[in-house]
C-alpha atoms as a PDB file:
ATOM      1  CA  MET A   1      17.384 203.942  76.215  1.00  0.00           C
ATOM      2  CA  GLU A   2      19.450 206.742  74.813  1.00  0.00           C
ATOM      3  CA  THR A   3      18.282 210.233  75.604  1.00  0.00           C
ATOM      4  CA  PRO A   4      16.823 212.325  72.767  1.00  0.00           C
ATOM      5  CA  GLU A   5      19.905 214.550  72.927  1.00  0.00           C
ATOM      6  CA  THR A   6      22.251 211.680  72.001  1.00  0.00           C
ATOM      7  CA  GLN A   7      19.996 209.940  69.511  1.00  0.00           C
ATOM      8  CA  ALA A   8      19.708 211.544  66.084  1.00  0.00           C
ATOM      9  CA  LYS A   9      16.475 209.892  64.863  1.00  0.00           C
ATOM     10  CA  LEU A  10      13.772 207.893  66.578  1.00  0.00           C
ATOM     11  CA  THR A  11      12.078 204.977  64.951  1.00  0.00           C
ATOM     12  CA  PHE A  12       8.393 204.281  65.284  1.00  0.00           C
ATOM     13  CA  ASP A  13       9.123 201.378  67.617  1.00  0.00           C
ATOM     14  CA  GLN A  14      11.098 203.640  69.977  1.00  0.00           C
ATOM     15  CA  LEU A  15       8.349 206.259  70.348  1.00  0.00           C
ATOM     16  CA  PRO A  16       6.621 204.719  73.411  1.00  0.00           C
ATOM     17  CA  GLU A  17       9.938 204.557  75.262  1.00  0.00           C
ATOM     18  CA  ALA A  18      10.777 208.151  74.277  1.00  0.00           C
ATOM     19  CA  VAL A  19       7.363 209.396  75.415  1.00  0.00           C
ATOM     20  CA  SER A  20       7.774 207.576  78.713  1.00  0.00           C
ATOM     21  CA  PHE A  21      11.188 209.184  79.163  1.00  0.00           C
ATOM     22  CA  LEU A  22       9.731 212.642  78.491  1.00  0.00           C
ATOM     23  CA  ILE A  23       6.836 212.093  80.901  1.00  0.00           C
ATOM     24  CA  ASN A  24       9.288 211.145  83.656  1.00  0.00           C
ATOM     25  CA  GLU A  25      11.445 214.198  82.946  1.00  0.00           C
ATOM     26  CA  ILE A  26       8.419 216.499  83.083  1.00  0.00           C
ATOM     27  CA  SER A  27       7.226 215.042  86.377  1.00  0.00           C
ATOM     28  CA  GLU A  28      10.722 215.535  87.868  1.00  0.00           C
ATOM     29  CA  MET A  29      10.705 219.167  86.731  1.00  0.00           C
ATOM     30  CA  LYS A  30       7.243 219.682  88.247  1.00  0.00           C
ATOM     31  CA  ASN A  31       8.483 218.280  91.556  1.00  0.00           C
ATOM     32  CA  LEU A  32      11.496 220.599  91.536  1.00  0.00           C
ATOM     33  CA  ILE A  33       9.357 223.615  90.732  1.00  0.00           C
ATOM     34  CA  SER A  34       6.808 222.811  93.431  1.00  0.00           C
ATOM     35  CA  LYS A  35       9.592 222.575  96.051  1.00  0.00           C
ATOM     36  CA  GLN A  36      10.961 226.018  95.239  1.00  0.00           C
ATOM     37  CA  THR A  37       9.874 228.970  97.300  1.00  0.00           C
ATOM     38  CA  ILE A  38       9.187 232.241  95.603  1.00  0.00           C
ATOM     39  CA  VAL A  39      11.086 235.143  97.081  1.00  0.00           C
ATOM     40  CA  GLU A  40       9.621 238.485  96.195  1.00  0.00           C
ATOM     41  CA  PRO A  41      12.027 241.387  95.866  1.00  0.00           C
ATOM     42  CA  PRO A  42      11.618 244.119  98.460  1.00  0.00           C
ATOM     43  CA  LYS A  43       9.122 246.720  97.396  1.00  0.00           C
ATOM     44  CA  ARG A  44      10.556 250.093  96.604  1.00  0.00           C
ATOM     45  CA  ARG A  45       8.203 252.954  97.083  1.00  0.00           C
ATOM     46  CA  PRO A  46       8.754 256.557  96.043  1.00  0.00           C
ATOM     47  CA  ILE A  47       9.381 259.077  98.798  1.00  0.00           C
ATOM     48  CA  GLY A  48       9.806 262.828  98.860  1.00  0.00           C
ATOM     49  CA  VAL A  49      12.785 264.895  99.984  1.00  0.00           C
ATOM     50  CA  TYR A  50      11.474 265.354 103.539  1.00  0.00           C
ATOM     51  CA  GLU A  51      10.991 261.635 104.110  1.00  0.00           C
ATOM     52  CA  ALA A  52      14.370 260.927 102.487  1.00  0.00           C
ATOM     53  CA  SER A  53      16.067 263.359 104.862  1.00  0.00           C
ATOM     54  CA  LYS A  54      14.464 261.633 107.854  1.00  0.00           C
ATOM     55  CA  PHE A  55      15.393 258.210 106.501  1.00  0.00           C
ATOM     56  CA  ILE A  56      19.128 258.900 106.197  1.00  0.00           C
ATOM     57  CA  LYS A  57      19.173 261.432 109.040  1.00  0.00           C
ATOM     58  CA  LYS A  58      20.648 264.255 106.981  1.00  0.00           C
ATOM     59  CA  GLY A  59      19.398 267.715 106.147  1.00  0.00           C
ATOM     60  CA  ILE A  60      17.396 268.578 103.057  1.00  0.00           C
ATOM     61  CA  GLY A  61      20.302 270.566 101.618  1.00  0.00           C
ATOM     62  CA  THR A  62      22.541 267.537 102.041  1.00  0.00           C
ATOM     63  CA  ILE A  63      19.978 265.426 100.172  1.00  0.00           C
ATOM     64  CA  TYR A  64      20.063 267.836  97.238  1.00  0.00           C
ATOM     65  CA  ASN A  65      23.874 267.880  97.304  1.00  0.00           C
ATOM     66  CA  LEU A  66      23.963 264.073  97.253  1.00  0.00           C
ATOM     67  CA  THR A  67      21.570 263.974  94.308  1.00  0.00           C
ATOM     68  CA  SER A  68      23.645 266.451  92.308  1.00  0.00           C
ATOM     69  CA  ALA A  69      26.752 264.373  93.108  1.00  0.00           C
ATOM     70  CA  LYS A  70      24.780 261.336  91.834  1.00  0.00           C
ATOM     71  CA  LYS A  71      25.194 259.464  95.132  1.00  0.00           C
ATOM     72  CA  ILE A  72      21.441 259.037  95.583  1.00  0.00           C
ATOM     73  CA  PRO A  73      19.301 257.943  92.641  1.00  0.00           C
ATOM     74  CA  HIS A  74      16.353 260.238  92.119  1.00  0.00           C
ATOM     75  CA  TYR A  75      13.704 261.177  89.586  1.00  0.00           C
ATOM     76  CA  LYS A  76      12.462 264.623  88.769  1.00  0.00           C
ATOM     77  CA  GLN A  77       8.719 265.207  88.686  1.00  0.00           C
ATOM     78  CA  GLY A  78       8.351 268.801  87.666  1.00  0.00           C
ATOM     79  CA  LEU A  79      10.185 270.852  90.308  1.00  0.00           C
ATOM     80  CA  ASN A  80      10.128 268.047  92.872  1.00  0.00           C
ATOM     81  CA  SER A  81      12.661 265.291  93.308  1.00  0.00           C
ATOM     82  CA  THR A  82      11.361 261.808  94.040  1.00  0.00           C
ATOM     83  CA  PHE A  83      13.500 259.083  95.565  1.00  0.00           C
ATOM     84  CA  LEU A  84      13.174 255.335  95.797  1.00  0.00           C
ATOM     85  CA  LYS A  85      13.696 254.078  99.321  1.00  0.00           C
ATOM     86  CA  THR A  86      16.474 251.477  99.278  1.00  0.00           C
ATOM     87  CA  ASN A  87      18.665 249.950 101.967  1.00  0.00           C
ATOM     88  CA  TYR A  88      22.005 251.065 100.578  1.00  0.00           C
ATOM     89  CA  TRP A  89      21.250 254.648 101.521  1.00  0.00           C
ATOM     90  CA  THR A  90      22.125 253.764 105.098  1.00  0.00           C
ATOM     91  CA  ILE A  91      25.847 253.679 104.230  1.00  0.00           C
ATOM     92  CA  LEU A  92      25.839 257.410 103.428  1.00  0.00           C
END
């Protein structure tokens, strides 16, 4: 049987074969999906300046200098800076 992609129009007599083809394709996709493992991305949690300074083993002033140089991503919450703990900070 030709696949639906290569066949322009189906006749009424070809419908059972086409449905059978589609059912087989769906069951193959279900098998592939069930074999996949779901990998969750690492959770990033917000930390303050004191915890950030302990994490990268630098002083608080250095943390503020790195944020103003845009080397560490941060978010301002009022007067406080909040950071997301990520692994690439360790290269600083």
